[in-house]
Amino acid sequence: MHNPLLRDVRLDERLRFLRDGVVCLRQIISPEWVRRAQDGVEHEQVMFESGAGEVARQLTVTRRLRWIYDQLFDSSDPGDSVAGTPWHQDTSYGLADSHRIVRVWMPVDHVPRETGIEVVRGSHLWKVERGWAGRIEVRDIEANRRAFDIVGYEVDAGDVVAFNYRSLHHAGANVNFSEKRKAFAILYADDRLALRHRSPLETHGAAWHGGRPILGASMTQETR
């Protein structure tokens, strides 16, 4: 089957993902899919056909993946502002606590370092779960940034930031009102992993799709 990615994930990138819990994959999504995502193509086509799922499959070396949910962050109007996301681990959503879940953050516009995703390197290996929105309190990372190994990236359309579900992360606010910012955040899991269904309120507005399966290298949707 056709692989839509411009290139495969390299071994050193996969090892970095396993060690750090996060990796930035430069120019891996094709310009055609970037254009279609910018033009407002249906989310489902992006999830299943753009290669985002193939990125997750290659990073985890998983033969069967399950698409869990997706989010769209959009400030298409230059006058809009986007609030930052506080530091948290996705385990606070309560879907599962596993290393076999990966979040693929796929920008389709340029995103400066200060407004993009930041991750505490190695935090996916921490034993204590840390949440937000009324759950377990997170230490004040912003007030003590030098005490943590924080990594972030300036990214362009075609890049992908992928990180472990357990990694402590946040996103900065869109402070440049003259610049658009649009990105998809997609969660994939090993198909064998048991997941808990959570309400939209409990998942903080994420679009829950019932853990629909995707198959093999082509990321083709399974028919039922």
Protein backbone atom coordinates (compact mmCIF):
# COMPACT_ATOMS: atom_id res chain seq x y z
CA MET A 1 0.00 0.00 0.00
CA HIS A 2 1.10 3.58 -0.66
CA ASN A 3 2.91 5.32 2.19
CA PRO A 4 1.87 9.01 2.12
CA LEU A 5 4.89 10.24 4.12
CA LEU A 6 7.70 12.13 2.40
CA ARG A 7 10.15 9.90 4.26
CA ASP A 8 10.25 7.21 6.93
CA VAL A 9 11.09 7.82 10.59
CA ARG A 10 14.82 7.30 11.06
CA LEU A 11 16.23 4.96 13.70
CA ASP A 12 17.89 7.83 15.59
CA GLU A 13 14.53 9.65 15.72
CA ARG A 14 12.78 6.61 17.13
CA LEU A 15 15.52 6.14 19.74
CA ARG A 16 15.16 9.80 20.73
CA PHE A 17 11.41 9.34 21.08
CA LEU A 18 11.92 6.32 23.36
CA ARG A 19 14.59 8.08 25.45
CA ASP A 20 13.14 11.60 25.70
CA GLY A 21 9.44 10.90 25.24
CA VAL A 22 9.34 13.47 22.42
CA VAL A 23 10.80 13.99 18.95
CA CYS A 24 10.43 16.58 16.20
CA LEU A 25 10.28 15.04 12.72
CA ARG A 26 11.22 17.63 10.13
CA GLN A 27 9.47 17.72 6.72
CA ILE A 28 7.74 14.36 6.87
CA ILE A 29 4.15 15.30 5.88
CA SER A 30 3.71 15.92 2.15
CA PRO A 31 2.96 19.42 0.81
CA GLU A 32 -0.25 18.05 -0.74
CA TRP A 33 -1.59 17.04 2.67
CA VAL A 34 -0.45 20.29 4.22
CA ARG A 35 -2.39 22.18 1.55
CA ARG A 36 -5.49 20.04 2.02
CA ALA A 37 -5.37 20.51 5.79
CA GLN A 38 -4.95 24.26 5.37
CA ASP A 39 -7.95 24.31 3.02
CA GLY A 40 -10.19 22.65 5.61
CA VAL A 41 -10.25 19.01 4.51
CA GLU A 42 -12.32 16.74 6.79
CA HIS A 43 -10.56 15.72 10.01
CA GLU A 44 -11.12 12.04 9.28
CA GLN A 45 -9.16 12.26 6.04
CA VAL A 46 -6.25 13.89 7.88
CA MET A 47 -6.29 11.21 10.58
CA PHE A 48 -6.43 8.26 8.18
CA GLU A 49 -4.74 9.41 4.99
CA SER A 50 -2.17 12.15 5.69
CA GLY A 51 0.43 9.85 7.24
CA ALA A 52 0.00 11.06 10.84
CA GLY A 53 -0.96 7.54 11.90
CA GLU A 54 1.96 6.10 9.96
CA VAL A 55 4.28 8.36 12.00
CA ALA A 56 2.86 6.86 15.21
CA ARG A 57 3.14 3.33 13.84
CA GLN A 58 6.78 3.76 12.87
CA LEU A 59 7.72 5.37 16.18
CA THR A 60 6.10 2.60 18.23
CA VAL A 61 6.73 -0.27 15.76
CA THR A 62 3.11 -1.29 16.29
CA ARG A 63 1.37 -3.33 13.60
CA ARG A 64 -2.16 -2.32 14.64
CA LEU A 65 -3.01 1.15 15.89
CA ARG A 66 -6.24 2.64 17.17
CA TRP A 67 -7.23 6.25 16.49
CA ILE A 68 -8.48 7.55 19.84
CA TYR A 69 -9.38 11.21 19.32
CA ASP A 70 -8.24 14.39 17.70
CA GLN A 71 -8.20 18.11 18.43
CA LEU A 72 -7.88 21.11 16.13
CA PHE A 73 -6.18 24.29 17.33
CA ASP A 74 -7.02 27.13 14.97
CA SER A 75 -6.48 30.89 14.94
CA SER A 76 -7.14 31.44 11.25
CA ASP A 77 -8.30 35.02 11.78
CA PRO A 78 -5.18 37.18 12.34
CA GLY A 79 -7.16 39.11 14.96
CA ASP A 80 -7.82 36.00 17.03
CA SER A 81 -5.78 34.98 20.05
CA VAL A 82 -5.34 31.45 21.36
CA ALA A 83 -4.89 30.83 25.06
CA GLY A 84 -1.96 28.73 26.20
CA THR A 85 -2.45 25.21 27.53
CA PRO A 86 -1.24 24.64 31.12
CA TRP A 87 1.38 22.03 31.93
CA HIS A 88 -0.18 18.56 32.20
CA GLN A 89 0.14 14.89 31.33
CA ASP A 90 -2.53 13.33 29.12
CA THR A 91 -2.90 10.58 31.71
CA SER A 92 -5.14 13.07 33.54
CA TYR A 93 -7.77 12.34 30.89
CA GLY A 94 -8.14 8.90 32.48
CA LEU A 95 -8.25 6.94 29.20
CA ALA A 96 -5.32 4.76 30.23
CA ASP A 97 -1.85 4.91 31.74
CA SER A 98 0.47 3.39 29.19
CA HIS A 99 3.60 4.00 27.15
CA ARG A 100 1.80 2.49 24.15
CA ILE A 101 -0.03 5.74 23.37
CA VAL A 102 1.44 8.53 21.25
CA ARG A 103 0.22 12.04 20.46
CA VAL A 104 1.03 13.40 17.01
CA TRP A 105 1.01 17.22 16.82
CA MET A 106 0.83 18.24 13.16
CA PRO A 107 1.04 21.98 12.38
CA VAL A 108 -0.08 23.17 8.97
CA ASP A 109 1.22 26.72 9.47
CA HIS A 110 4.47 28.12 10.82
CA VAL A 111 4.50 28.04 14.65
CA PRO A 112 7.21 29.99 16.53
CA ARG A 113 9.11 28.33 19.37
CA GLU A 114 7.46 30.46 22.03
CA THR A 115 3.89 29.52 21.00
CA GLY A 116 4.42 25.85 20.17
CA ILE A 117 4.52 22.61 22.14
CA GLU A 118 7.01 22.30 25.01
CA VAL A 119 7.77 19.00 26.75
CA VAL A 120 9.73 18.10 29.88
CA ARG A 121 12.22 15.66 28.47
CA GLY A 122 12.11 12.24 30.15
CA SER A 123 8.90 12.99 32.09
CA HIS A 124 7.18 10.01 30.44
CA LEU A 125 9.30 7.87 32.77
CA TRP A 126 8.11 9.60 35.94
CA LYS A 127 6.19 7.31 38.29
CA VAL A 128 3.78 9.95 39.60
CA GLU A 129 0.91 10.97 37.34
CA ARG A 130 0.33 14.69 37.17
CA GLY A 131 -2.86 16.27 35.88
CA TRP A 132 -4.73 19.56 35.51
CA ALA A 133 -8.25 21.03 35.60
CA GLY A 134 -8.93 20.10 39.20
CA ARG A 135 -7.03 16.84 39.22
CA ILE A 136 -3.57 16.26 40.71
CA GLU A 137 -1.69 19.52 41.07
CA VAL A 138 1.34 20.08 38.85
CA ARG A 139 4.44 21.73 40.24
CA ASP A 140 4.96 25.30 39.05
CA ILE A 141 7.17 24.66 36.05
CA GLU A 142 6.93 28.16 34.60
CA ALA A 143 8.32 29.65 37.81
CA ASN A 144 11.16 27.09 37.88
CA ARG A 145 11.94 26.45 34.22
CA ARG A 146 15.68 26.11 34.83
CA ALA A 147 15.02 23.16 37.14
CA PHE A 148 13.53 21.11 34.28
CA ASP A 149 14.87 19.77 31.00
CA ILE A 150 12.38 21.53 28.74
CA VAL A 151 12.49 21.06 24.98
CA GLY A 152 10.47 22.98 22.39
CA TYR A 153 10.55 23.56 18.66
CA GLU A 154 9.94 26.18 16.04
CA VAL A 155 8.02 24.24 13.40
CA ASP A 156 6.80 24.70 9.86
CA ALA A 157 4.08 23.07 7.83
CA GLY A 158 5.20 19.51 7.07
CA ASP A 159 6.92 19.02 10.44
CA VAL A 160 5.47 16.81 13.19
CA VAL A 161 6.08 16.81 16.94
CA ALA A 162 5.30 13.41 18.44
CA PHE A 163 5.37 12.70 22.15
CA ASN A 164 4.52 10.00 24.64
CA TYR A 165 1.06 10.13 26.24
CA ARG A 166 2.69 10.32 29.69
CA SER A 167 4.99 13.23 28.84
CA LEU A 168 4.47 16.46 30.77
CA HIS A 169 3.76 19.17 28.20
CA HIS A 170 2.06 22.47 27.44
CA ALA A 171 1.61 24.94 24.59
CA GLY A 172 2.25 28.67 24.63
CA ALA A 173 -0.36 31.28 23.77
CA ASN A 174 -0.58 32.67 20.27
CA VAL A 175 0.92 36.07 21.08
CA ASN A 176 1.57 37.12 17.47
CA PHE A 177 -1.82 38.38 16.32
CA SER A 178 -0.58 38.84 12.74
CA GLU A 179 0.33 35.17 12.26
CA LYS A 180 -2.06 32.28 11.71
CA ARG A 181 -1.68 29.13 13.77
CA LYS A 182 -3.43 25.89 12.87
CA ALA A 183 -2.44 22.43 14.09
CA PHE A 184 -3.97 19.00 14.55
CA ALA A 185 -3.31 17.00 17.71
CA ILE A 186 -4.08 13.31 17.22
CA LEU A 187 -3.90 10.48 19.76
CA TYR A 188 -3.09 6.93 18.64
CA ALA A 189 -2.80 3.78 20.78
CA ASP A 190 -1.78 0.17 20.42
CA ASP A 191 -4.90 -1.70 19.31
CA ARG A 192 -4.43 -4.25 22.11
CA LEU A 193 -4.59 -1.61 24.83
CA ALA A 194 -7.78 -1.50 26.90
CA LEU A 195 -9.15 2.04 27.12
CA ARG A 196 -11.76 3.67 29.32
CA HIS A 197 -14.50 5.67 27.63
CA ARG A 198 -14.62 9.20 29.02
CA SER A 199 -17.22 11.91 28.51
CA PRO A 200 -16.31 15.05 26.48
CA LEU A 201 -16.22 17.04 29.74
CA GLU A 202 -13.75 14.60 31.29
CA THR A 203 -11.55 14.72 28.18
CA HIS A 204 -11.53 18.53 28.26
CA GLY A 205 -13.38 18.96 24.97
CA ALA A 206 -11.41 16.44 22.92
CA ALA A 207 -13.41 14.78 20.15
CA TRP A 208 -13.84 11.17 21.27
CA HIS A 209 -14.21 8.76 18.36
CA GLY A 210 -14.66 5.49 20.26
CA GLY A 211 -11.18 4.19 19.60
CA ARG A 212 -11.68 3.32 15.93
CA PRO A 213 -9.07 0.90 14.58
CA ILE A 214 -6.61 1.64 11.81
CA LEU A 215 -4.50 -0.96 10.07
CA GLY A 216 -0.97 -1.53 8.85
CA ALA A 217 1.41 0.78 7.07
CA SER A 218 -1.31 2.40 4.96
CA MET A 219 -3.38 3.38 8.01
CA THR A 220 -6.53 2.22 6.22
CA GLN A 221 -9.74 2.36 8.24
CA GLU A 222 -11.08 -1.06 9.15
CA THR A 223 -14.52 -1.81 7.72
CA ARG A 224 -17.21 -3.30 9.93
